[in-house]
Amino acid sequence: MNERHIARQLTKLAFGLLVGGLAFGTNALDGRTRNRIPLGIRMASSALILLTALTLTRQRNSITRLAAGGMACGFLGDLVMAQVVPVPQHVIGGMLSFGVCLLY
């Protein structure tokens, strides 16, 4: 299998996790409109998108490497904003994590 096929399959899996989490998440049943997708599914889908970007970097293309770097910063930002990675001010820390990719 080539990298594009693997990346396509990982993207489909991440999309399926998000749709399944949105449809069948525990928070969806109690009428809450915020954070309907459970935390584990949100982080897993973000990790799969990062894995997809890392898979595509094997093509040795500078654009795919930049995209993978941006996805890594985004994944770190997701972890900080979801308070999986403890920082004193999670909103500011998450924004800084997302912003690091601008320097990358």
N, C-alpha and C. Protein backbone atom coordinates (compact mmCIF):
# COMPACT_ATOMS: atom_id res chain seq x y z
N MET A 1 0.84 -1.19 0.00
CA MET A 1 0.00 0.00 0.00
C MET A 1 0.88 1.24 0.00
N ASN A 2 0.45 2.25 -0.73
CA ASN A 2 1.22 3.48 -0.75
C ASN A 2 0.73 4.44 0.33
N GLU A 3 1.46 5.53 0.49
CA GLU A 3 1.17 6.48 1.57
C GLU A 3 -0.19 7.14 1.39
N ARG A 4 -0.55 7.43 0.15
CA ARG A 4 -1.84 8.11 -0.08
C ARG A 4 -3.01 7.22 0.32
N HIS A 5 -2.92 5.95 0.03
CA HIS A 5 -3.99 5.03 0.40
C HIS A 5 -4.11 4.93 1.92
N ILE A 6 -2.98 4.82 2.60
CA ILE A 6 -3.00 4.76 4.07
C ILE A 6 -3.57 6.06 4.64
N ALA A 7 -3.14 7.20 4.09
CA ALA A 7 -3.63 8.50 4.58
C ALA A 7 -5.14 8.61 4.35
N ARG A 8 -5.62 8.14 3.22
CA ARG A 8 -7.05 8.18 2.94
C ARG A 8 -7.83 7.34 3.94
N GLN A 9 -7.31 6.17 4.27
CA GLN A 9 -7.99 5.30 5.22
C GLN A 9 -7.99 5.90 6.63
N LEU A 10 -6.88 6.51 7.02
CA LEU A 10 -6.81 7.14 8.35
C LEU A 10 -7.77 8.32 8.43
N THR A 11 -7.88 9.08 7.35
CA THR A 11 -8.80 10.20 7.34
C THR A 11 -10.24 9.72 7.45
N LYS A 12 -10.57 8.65 6.75
CA LYS A 12 -11.92 8.08 6.86
C LYS A 12 -12.20 7.60 8.28
N LEU A 13 -11.20 7.00 8.91
CA LEU A 13 -11.37 6.54 10.28
C LEU A 13 -11.60 7.71 11.24
N ALA A 14 -10.82 8.78 11.08
CA ALA A 14 -11.00 9.96 11.93
C ALA A 14 -12.38 10.57 11.73
N PHE A 15 -12.82 10.66 10.48
CA PHE A 15 -14.16 11.20 10.21
C PHE A 15 -15.24 10.31 10.82
N GLY A 16 -15.06 9.01 10.70
CA GLY A 16 -16.02 8.09 11.30
C GLY A 16 -16.09 8.21 12.80
N LEU A 17 -14.94 8.41 13.44
CA LEU A 17 -14.92 8.61 14.89
C LEU A 17 -15.69 9.86 15.28
N LEU A 18 -15.48 10.94 14.55
CA LEU A 18 -16.17 12.18 14.87
C LEU A 18 -17.67 12.06 14.67
N VAL A 19 -18.08 11.49 13.55
CA VAL A 19 -19.51 11.35 13.29
C VAL A 19 -20.14 10.39 14.30
N GLY A 20 -19.47 9.28 14.58
CA GLY A 20 -19.99 8.34 15.57
C GLY A 20 -20.06 8.94 16.95
N GLY A 21 -19.04 9.69 17.32
CA GLY A 21 -19.05 10.34 18.62
C GLY A 21 -20.13 11.39 18.73
N LEU A 22 -20.37 12.10 17.65
CA LEU A 22 -21.41 13.11 17.65
C LEU A 22 -22.79 12.47 17.74
N ALA A 23 -22.97 11.36 17.02
CA ALA A 23 -24.27 10.71 17.00
C ALA A 23 -24.55 9.90 18.26
N PHE A 24 -23.54 9.22 18.76
CA PHE A 24 -23.76 8.28 19.86
C PHE A 24 -23.06 8.64 21.15
N GLY A 25 -22.48 9.83 21.22
CA GLY A 25 -21.79 10.25 22.43
C GLY A 25 -22.75 10.36 23.60
N THR A 26 -22.24 10.13 24.79
CA THR A 26 -23.11 10.15 25.98
C THR A 26 -23.69 11.54 26.22
N ASN A 27 -22.97 12.57 25.87
CA ASN A 27 -23.47 13.92 26.09
C ASN A 27 -24.58 14.28 25.12
N ALA A 28 -24.66 13.58 23.98
CA ALA A 28 -25.70 13.88 22.99
C ALA A 28 -27.07 13.47 23.51
N LEU A 29 -27.12 12.56 24.44
CA LEU A 29 -28.40 12.04 24.90
C LEU A 29 -29.04 12.90 25.98
N ASP A 30 -28.26 13.74 26.65
CA ASP A 30 -28.85 14.53 27.75
C ASP A 30 -29.19 15.96 27.33
N GLY A 31 -29.15 16.27 26.05
CA GLY A 31 -29.57 17.57 25.57
C GLY A 31 -28.52 18.66 25.64
N ARG A 32 -27.31 18.35 26.04
CA ARG A 32 -26.26 19.37 26.09
C ARG A 32 -25.82 19.70 24.67
N THR A 33 -25.54 20.96 24.45
CA THR A 33 -25.11 21.38 23.11
C THR A 33 -23.60 21.62 23.06
N ARG A 34 -22.94 21.61 24.17
CA ARG A 34 -21.50 21.85 24.20
C ARG A 34 -20.78 20.54 24.51
N ASN A 35 -19.69 20.28 23.80
CA ASN A 35 -18.89 19.08 23.99
C ASN A 35 -19.72 17.81 23.85
N ARG A 36 -20.46 17.73 22.76
CA ARG A 36 -21.28 16.54 22.55
C ARG A 36 -20.43 15.32 22.25
N ILE A 37 -19.28 15.52 21.64
CA ILE A 37 -18.41 14.40 21.34
C ILE A 37 -17.53 14.15 22.56
N PRO A 38 -17.49 12.93 23.07
CA PRO A 38 -16.67 12.63 24.25
C PRO A 38 -15.19 12.95 24.01
N LEU A 39 -14.52 13.30 25.09
CA LEU A 39 -13.13 13.74 25.03
C LEU A 39 -12.22 12.72 24.35
N GLY A 40 -12.34 11.47 24.70
CA GLY A 40 -11.47 10.45 24.12
C GLY A 40 -11.60 10.36 22.61
N ILE A 41 -12.81 10.48 22.11
CA ILE A 41 -13.03 10.41 20.67
C ILE A 41 -12.49 11.67 19.99
N ARG A 42 -12.66 12.82 20.61
CA ARG A 42 -12.10 14.05 20.03
C ARG A 42 -10.59 13.98 19.93
N MET A 43 -9.94 13.51 20.98
CA MET A 43 -8.48 13.42 20.96
C MET A 43 -8.00 12.33 20.00
N ALA A 44 -8.73 11.23 19.92
CA ALA A 44 -8.35 10.16 18.98
C ALA A 44 -8.45 10.63 17.54
N SER A 45 -9.49 11.38 17.23
CA SER A 45 -9.62 11.87 15.85
C SER A 45 -8.52 12.88 15.53
N SER A 46 -8.17 13.72 16.48
CA SER A 46 -7.08 14.67 16.28
C SER A 46 -5.75 13.94 16.10
N ALA A 47 -5.54 12.89 16.87
CA ALA A 47 -4.31 12.10 16.73
C ALA A 47 -4.27 11.38 15.38
N LEU A 48 -5.41 10.91 14.90
CA LEU A 48 -5.43 10.25 13.60
C LEU A 48 -5.12 11.22 12.47
N ILE A 49 -5.59 12.45 12.57
CA ILE A 49 -5.27 13.45 11.56
C ILE A 49 -3.77 13.75 11.57
N LEU A 50 -3.17 13.83 12.76
CA LEU A 50 -1.73 14.01 12.85
C LEU A 50 -1.00 12.81 12.24
N LEU A 51 -1.46 11.61 12.54
CA LEU A 51 -0.85 10.41 11.98
C LEU A 51 -0.95 10.40 10.45
N THR A 52 -2.07 10.86 9.93
CA THR A 52 -2.23 10.97 8.48
C THR A 52 -1.20 11.92 7.90
N ALA A 53 -1.03 13.08 8.52
CA ALA A 53 -0.04 14.05 8.04
C ALA A 53 1.37 13.48 8.12
N LEU A 54 1.66 12.76 9.20
CA LEU A 54 3.00 12.16 9.32
C LEU A 54 3.21 11.06 8.29
N THR A 55 2.16 10.34 7.94
CA THR A 55 2.27 9.32 6.91
C THR A 55 2.61 9.95 5.56
N LEU A 56 2.01 11.09 5.28
CA LEU A 56 2.27 11.75 4.00
C LEU A 56 3.65 12.38 3.92
N THR A 57 4.31 12.59 5.06
CA THR A 57 5.65 13.19 5.02
C THR A 57 6.68 12.23 4.43
N ARG A 58 6.34 10.97 4.31
CA ARG A 58 7.27 10.01 3.71
C ARG A 58 7.49 10.30 2.23
N GLN A 59 6.67 11.16 1.64
CA GLN A 59 6.84 11.54 0.25
C GLN A 59 7.99 12.53 0.06
N ARG A 60 8.56 12.97 1.16
CA ARG A 60 9.69 13.89 1.16
C ARG A 60 9.40 15.19 0.41
N ASN A 61 8.23 15.71 0.69
CA ASN A 61 7.80 16.96 0.09
C ASN A 61 7.79 18.01 1.19
N SER A 62 8.31 19.20 0.90
CA SER A 62 8.40 20.22 1.95
C SER A 62 7.01 20.69 2.39
N ILE A 63 6.04 20.68 1.49
CA ILE A 63 4.69 21.10 1.86
C ILE A 63 4.07 20.12 2.85
N THR A 64 4.26 18.84 2.62
CA THR A 64 3.68 17.85 3.55
C THR A 64 4.37 17.92 4.90
N ARG A 65 5.64 18.24 4.91
CA ARG A 65 6.34 18.39 6.20
C ARG A 65 5.83 19.61 6.97
N LEU A 66 5.59 20.70 6.25
CA LEU A 66 5.02 21.87 6.91
C LEU A 66 3.61 21.59 7.44
N ALA A 67 2.83 20.86 6.65
CA ALA A 67 1.48 20.50 7.10
C ALA A 67 1.55 19.61 8.33
N ALA A 68 2.48 18.65 8.35
CA ALA A 68 2.62 17.77 9.51
C ALA A 68 3.05 18.56 10.75
N GLY A 69 3.93 19.54 10.56
CA GLY A 69 4.33 20.39 11.68
C GLY A 69 3.16 21.19 12.22
N GLY A 70 2.33 21.70 11.33
CA GLY A 70 1.14 22.42 11.74
C GLY A 70 0.15 21.52 12.46
N MET A 71 0.00 20.31 11.95
CA MET A 71 -0.90 19.34 12.60
C MET A 71 -0.39 18.96 13.99
N ALA A 72 0.93 18.86 14.14
CA ALA A 72 1.50 18.54 15.45
C ALA A 72 1.22 19.67 16.44
N CYS A 73 1.38 20.92 15.99
CA CYS A 73 1.07 22.05 16.87
C CYS A 73 -0.42 22.09 17.20
N GLY A 74 -1.25 21.78 16.21
CA GLY A 74 -2.69 21.74 16.45
C GLY A 74 -3.08 20.65 17.42
N PHE A 75 -2.44 19.49 17.30
CA PHE A 75 -2.73 18.39 18.23
C PHE A 75 -2.32 18.77 19.65
N LEU A 76 -1.15 19.39 19.78
CA LEU A 76 -0.72 19.85 21.11
C LEU A 76 -1.71 20.88 21.65
N GLY A 77 -2.15 21.79 20.79
CA GLY A 77 -3.15 22.78 21.22
C GLY A 77 -4.45 22.12 21.65
N ASP A 78 -4.88 21.09 20.92
CA ASP A 78 -6.09 20.36 21.31
C ASP A 78 -5.93 19.72 22.68
N LEU A 79 -4.77 19.12 22.93
CA LEU A 79 -4.52 18.49 24.22
C LEU A 79 -4.53 19.50 25.36
N VAL A 80 -3.94 20.67 25.12
CA VAL A 80 -3.90 21.70 26.16
C VAL A 80 -5.29 22.28 26.39
N MET A 81 -6.03 22.57 25.31
CA MET A 81 -7.36 23.15 25.45
C MET A 81 -8.34 22.18 26.13
N ALA A 82 -8.14 20.88 25.91
CA ALA A 82 -9.01 19.88 26.54
C ALA A 82 -8.55 19.55 27.95
N GLN A 83 -7.51 20.21 28.41
CA GLN A 83 -6.94 20.05 29.75
C GLN A 83 -6.41 18.63 29.98
N VAL A 84 -5.97 17.98 28.91
CA VAL A 84 -5.29 16.69 29.04
C VAL A 84 -3.85 16.94 29.46
N VAL A 85 -3.24 17.97 28.87
CA VAL A 85 -1.91 18.42 29.28
C VAL A 85 -2.13 19.57 30.25
N PRO A 86 -1.75 19.40 31.51
CA PRO A 86 -2.05 20.44 32.50
C PRO A 86 -1.11 21.64 32.38
N VAL A 87 -1.71 22.79 32.19
CA VAL A 87 -0.99 24.07 32.23
C VAL A 87 -1.84 25.01 33.09
N PRO A 88 -1.21 26.01 33.71
CA PRO A 88 -1.97 26.89 34.61
C PRO A 88 -3.15 27.60 33.92
N GLN A 89 -2.95 28.12 32.74
CA GLN A 89 -4.01 28.80 31.99
C GLN A 89 -4.22 28.03 30.68
N HIS A 90 -5.18 27.11 30.66
CA HIS A 90 -5.30 26.22 29.51
C HIS A 90 -5.72 26.96 28.22
N VAL A 91 -6.48 28.03 28.33
CA VAL A 91 -6.89 28.75 27.12
C VAL A 91 -5.69 29.47 26.50
N ILE A 92 -4.93 30.17 27.32
CA ILE A 92 -3.75 30.87 26.80
C ILE A 92 -2.72 29.85 26.31
N GLY A 93 -2.51 28.79 27.07
CA GLY A 93 -1.56 27.76 26.64
C GLY A 93 -1.96 27.10 25.34
N GLY A 94 -3.25 26.84 25.17
CA GLY A 94 -3.73 26.26 23.92
C GLY A 94 -3.55 27.20 22.75
N MET A 95 -3.84 28.47 22.97
CA MET A 95 -3.66 29.46 21.90
C MET A 95 -2.19 29.58 21.52
N LEU A 96 -1.31 29.55 22.50
CA LEU A 96 0.12 29.60 22.20
C LEU A 96 0.57 28.35 21.45
N SER A 97 0.02 27.19 21.81
CA SER A 97 0.38 25.96 21.12
C SER A 97 -0.06 26.02 19.66
N PHE A 98 -1.26 26.52 19.41
CA PHE A 98 -1.73 26.67 18.04
C PHE A 98 -0.87 27.69 17.29
N GLY A 99 -0.47 28.74 17.99
CA GLY A 99 0.30 29.81 17.37
C GLY A 99 1.74 29.45 17.05
N VAL A 100 2.27 28.43 17.70
CA VAL A 100 3.65 28.02 17.44
C VAL A 100 3.81 27.63 15.99
N CYS A 101 2.77 27.11 15.37
CA CYS A 101 2.88 26.68 13.97
C CYS A 101 3.11 27.87 13.06
N LEU A 102 2.76 29.07 13.48
CA LEU A 102 3.05 30.25 12.67
C LEU A 102 4.55 30.52 12.62
N LEU A 103 5.24 30.14 13.67
CA LEU A 103 6.70 30.29 13.69
C LEU A 103 7.41 29.16 12.96
N TYR A 104 6.71 28.04 12.84
CA TYR A 104 7.29 26.86 12.21
C TYR A 104 7.33 27.09 10.74
